[in-house]
C-alpha atoms as a PDB file:
ATOM      1  CA  MET A   1       0.000   0.000   0.000  1.00  0.00           C
ATOM      2  CA  PRO A   2       1.630   3.347  -1.030  1.00  0.00           C
ATOM      3  CA  ARG A   3       2.153   5.862   1.707  1.00  0.00           C
ATOM      4  CA  GLY A   4       2.217   9.644   1.493  1.00  0.00           C
ATOM      5  CA  PRO A   5       5.395  11.683   1.823  1.00  0.00           C
ATOM      6  CA  SER A   6       7.292  10.953   4.980  1.00  0.00           C
ATOM      7  CA  ARG A   7       7.673  13.475   7.750  1.00  0.00           C
ATOM      8  CA  SER A   8      11.378  13.810   6.993  1.00  0.00           C
ATOM      9  CA  ASN A   9      10.620  14.777   3.372  1.00  0.00           C
ATOM     10  CA  ASN A  10       8.200  17.467   4.567  1.00  0.00           C
ATOM     11  CA  LEU A  11      10.732  18.689   7.112  1.00  0.00           C
ATOM     12  CA  SER A  12      13.512  18.889   4.568  1.00  0.00           C
ATOM     13  CA  ALA A  13      11.241  20.811   2.186  1.00  0.00           C
ATOM     14  CA  GLY A  14      10.548  23.330   4.956  1.00  0.00           C
ATOM     15  CA  VAL A  15      14.248  23.636   5.716  1.00  0.00           C
ATOM     16  CA  ARG A  16      15.024  24.110   2.003  1.00  0.00           C
ATOM     17  CA  GLN A  17      12.394  26.860   1.836  1.00  0.00           C
ATOM     18  CA  LYS A  18      13.953  28.668   4.811  1.00  0.00           C
ATOM     19  CA  ILE A  19      17.436  28.404   3.313  1.00  0.00           C
ATOM     20  CA  GLN A  20      16.227  29.749  -0.035  1.00  0.00           C
ATOM     21  CA  THR A  21      14.478  32.630   1.723  1.00  0.00           C
ATOM     22  CA  ALA A  22      17.620  33.406   3.731  1.00  0.00           C
ATOM     23  CA  ASN A  23      19.671  33.388   0.511  1.00  0.00           C
ATOM     24  CA  ILE A  24      17.288  35.847  -1.164  1.00  0.00           C
ATOM     25  CA  ILE A  25      17.422  38.174   1.841  1.00  0.00           C
ATOM     26  CA  ALA A  26      21.223  37.952   2.013  1.00  0.00           C
ATOM     27  CA  ARG A  27      21.502  38.778  -1.700  1.00  0.00           C
ATOM     28  CA  LEU A  28      19.198  41.801  -1.321  1.00  0.00           C
ATOM     29  CA  GLN A  29      21.204  43.012   1.680  1.00  0.00           C
ATOM     30  CA  LYS A  30      24.420  42.768  -0.345  1.00  0.00           C
ATOM     31  CA  HIS A  31      22.743  44.717  -3.145  1.00  0.00           C
ATOM     32  CA  VAL A  32      21.689  47.450  -0.709  1.00  0.00           C
ATOM     33  CA  ASP A  33      25.238  47.580   0.706  1.00  0.00           C
ATOM     34  CA  GLY A  34      26.642  47.947  -2.815  1.00  0.00           C
ATOM     35  CA  GLU A  35      28.474  44.598  -2.743  1.00  0.00           C
ATOM     36  CA  VAL A  36      26.369  42.970  -5.505  1.00  0.00           C
ATOM     37  CA  ASP A  37      24.724  44.463  -8.583  1.00  0.00           C
ATOM     38  CA  MET A  38      21.168  43.373  -9.314  1.00  0.00           C
ATOM     39  CA  SER A  39      18.908  44.444 -12.141  1.00  0.00           C
ATOM     40  CA  GLN A  40      15.534  45.984 -11.413  1.00  0.00           C
ATOM     41  CA  THR A  41      13.938  42.745 -12.642  1.00  0.00           C
ATOM     42  CA  GLN A  42      15.995  40.658 -10.204  1.00  0.00           C
ATOM     43  CA  VAL A  43      15.078  42.916  -7.295  1.00  0.00           C
ATOM     44  CA  ARG A  44      11.385  42.748  -8.219  1.00  0.00           C
ATOM     45  CA  ALA A  45      11.522  38.945  -8.571  1.00  0.00           C
ATOM     46  CA  ALA A  46      13.136  38.680  -5.123  1.00  0.00           C
ATOM     47  CA  GLU A  47      10.420  40.938  -3.695  1.00  0.00           C
ATOM     48  CA  ILE A  48       7.662  38.762  -5.165  1.00  0.00           C
ATOM     49  CA  LEU A  49       9.249  35.569  -3.843  1.00  0.00           C
ATOM     50  CA  LEU A  50       9.634  37.055  -0.365  1.00  0.00           C
ATOM     51  CA  GLN A  51       6.006  38.167  -0.327  1.00  0.00           C
ATOM     52  CA  LYS A  52       5.039  34.513  -0.706  1.00  0.00           C
ATOM     53  CA  VAL A  53       7.012  33.322   2.319  1.00  0.00           C
ATOM     54  CA  VAL A  54       7.426  36.321   4.650  1.00  0.00           C
ATOM     55  CA  PRO A  55       4.231  37.730   6.142  1.00  0.00           C
ATOM     56  CA  ASN A  56       3.364  41.330   5.462  1.00  0.00           C
ATOM     57  CA  LEU A  57       3.959  43.601   8.475  1.00  0.00           C
ATOM     58  CA  ALA A  58       0.466  45.065   8.146  1.00  0.00           C
ATOM     59  CA  SER A  59      -1.106  41.624   8.533  1.00  0.00           C
ATOM     60  CA  ILE A  60       1.096  40.908  11.558  1.00  0.00           C
ATOM     61  CA  GLU A  61       0.144  44.213  13.171  1.00  0.00           C
ATOM     62  CA  SER A  62      -3.573  43.611  12.798  1.00  0.00           C
ATOM     63  CA  PHE A  63      -3.208  39.988  13.898  1.00  0.00           C
ATOM     64  CA  ASN A  64      -1.217  40.828  17.030  1.00  0.00           C
ATOM     65  CA  HIS A  65      -3.517  43.578  18.297  1.00  0.00           C
ATOM     66  CA  THR A  66      -4.566  42.327  21.698  1.00  0.00           C
ATOM     67  CA  GLU A  67      -6.125  44.026  24.645  1.00  0.00           C
ATOM     68  CA  MET A  68      -4.537  43.512  28.020  1.00  0.00           C
ATOM     69  CA  SER A  69      -6.187  44.148  31.350  1.00  0.00           C
ATOM     70  CA  VAL A  70      -4.360  44.885  34.557  1.00  0.00           C
ATOM     71  CA  ILE A  71      -5.663  43.287  37.699  1.00  0.00           C
ATOM     72  CA  SER A  72      -4.900  45.212  40.840  1.00  0.00           C
ATOM     73  CA  ALA A  73      -5.047  44.045  44.426  1.00  0.00           C
ATOM     74  CA  GLU A  74      -6.458  47.436  45.376  1.00  0.00           C
ATOM     75  CA  PRO A  75      -9.938  48.337  44.113  1.00  0.00           C
ATOM     76  CA  MET A  76     -10.374  51.538  42.082  1.00  0.00           C
ATOM     77  CA  ASN A  77     -12.753  54.271  43.079  1.00  0.00           C
ATOM     78  CA  GLU A  78     -15.289  55.466  40.508  1.00  0.00           C
ATOM     79  CA  GLN A  79     -13.226  58.476  39.465  1.00  0.00           C
ATOM     80  CA  ALA A  80     -10.052  56.422  38.852  1.00  0.00           C
ATOM     81  CA  TRP A  81     -12.049  53.811  36.929  1.00  0.00           C
ATOM     82  CA  ALA A  82     -13.697  56.445  34.717  1.00  0.00           C
ATOM     83  CA  GLN A  83     -10.344  58.100  34.047  1.00  0.00           C
ATOM     84  CA  ALA A  84      -8.666  54.799  33.091  1.00  0.00           C
ATOM     85  CA  HIS A  85     -11.465  53.803  30.719  1.00  0.00           C
ATOM     86  CA  THR A  86     -11.690  57.249  29.139  1.00  0.00           C
ATOM     87  CA  GLN A  87      -7.967  57.063  28.344  1.00  0.00           C
ATOM     88  CA  ASP A  88      -8.445  53.608  26.768  1.00  0.00           C
ATOM     89  CA  GLU A  89     -11.235  54.937  24.545  1.00  0.00           C
ATOM     90  CA  ASP A  90      -9.108  57.958  23.555  1.00  0.00           C
ATOM     91  CA  HIS A  91      -6.240  55.684  22.506  1.00  0.00           C
ATOM     92  CA  MET A  92      -8.579  53.438  20.534  1.00  0.00           C
ATOM     93  CA  GLY A  93     -10.030  56.461  18.758  1.00  0.00           C
ATOM     94  CA  GLU A  94      -6.519  57.643  17.852  1.00  0.00           C
ATOM     95  CA  ALA A  95      -5.614  54.205  16.485  1.00  0.00           C
ATOM     96  CA  GLN A  96      -8.784  54.020  14.417  1.00  0.00           C
ATOM     97  CA  GLY A  97      -8.331  57.560  13.157  1.00  0.00           C
ATOM     98  CA  SER A  98      -4.795  56.857  11.976  1.00  0.00           C
ATOM     99  CA  ALA A  99      -5.746  53.614  10.199  1.00  0.00           C
END
């Protein structure tokens, strides 16, 4: 009975992908530093390949937006609570306004 690809084949494919990505990044860094000449087409091709394997920073930023709450041993009075939550709303409004 034929079996699917082994775990080691999948692992080595992932490792190969990471090595290829690292090589592309290293080549682009050398180009930026003036050590290697690359044509505009080569730079664009490298950019396209990296977009396939390296997540976009905008998607990471939206994915990692989490809200944290602080738990205090001392209870807040109404005024302190209102002030803390008003500041949170102000910051959220700023973030939404800049997006």
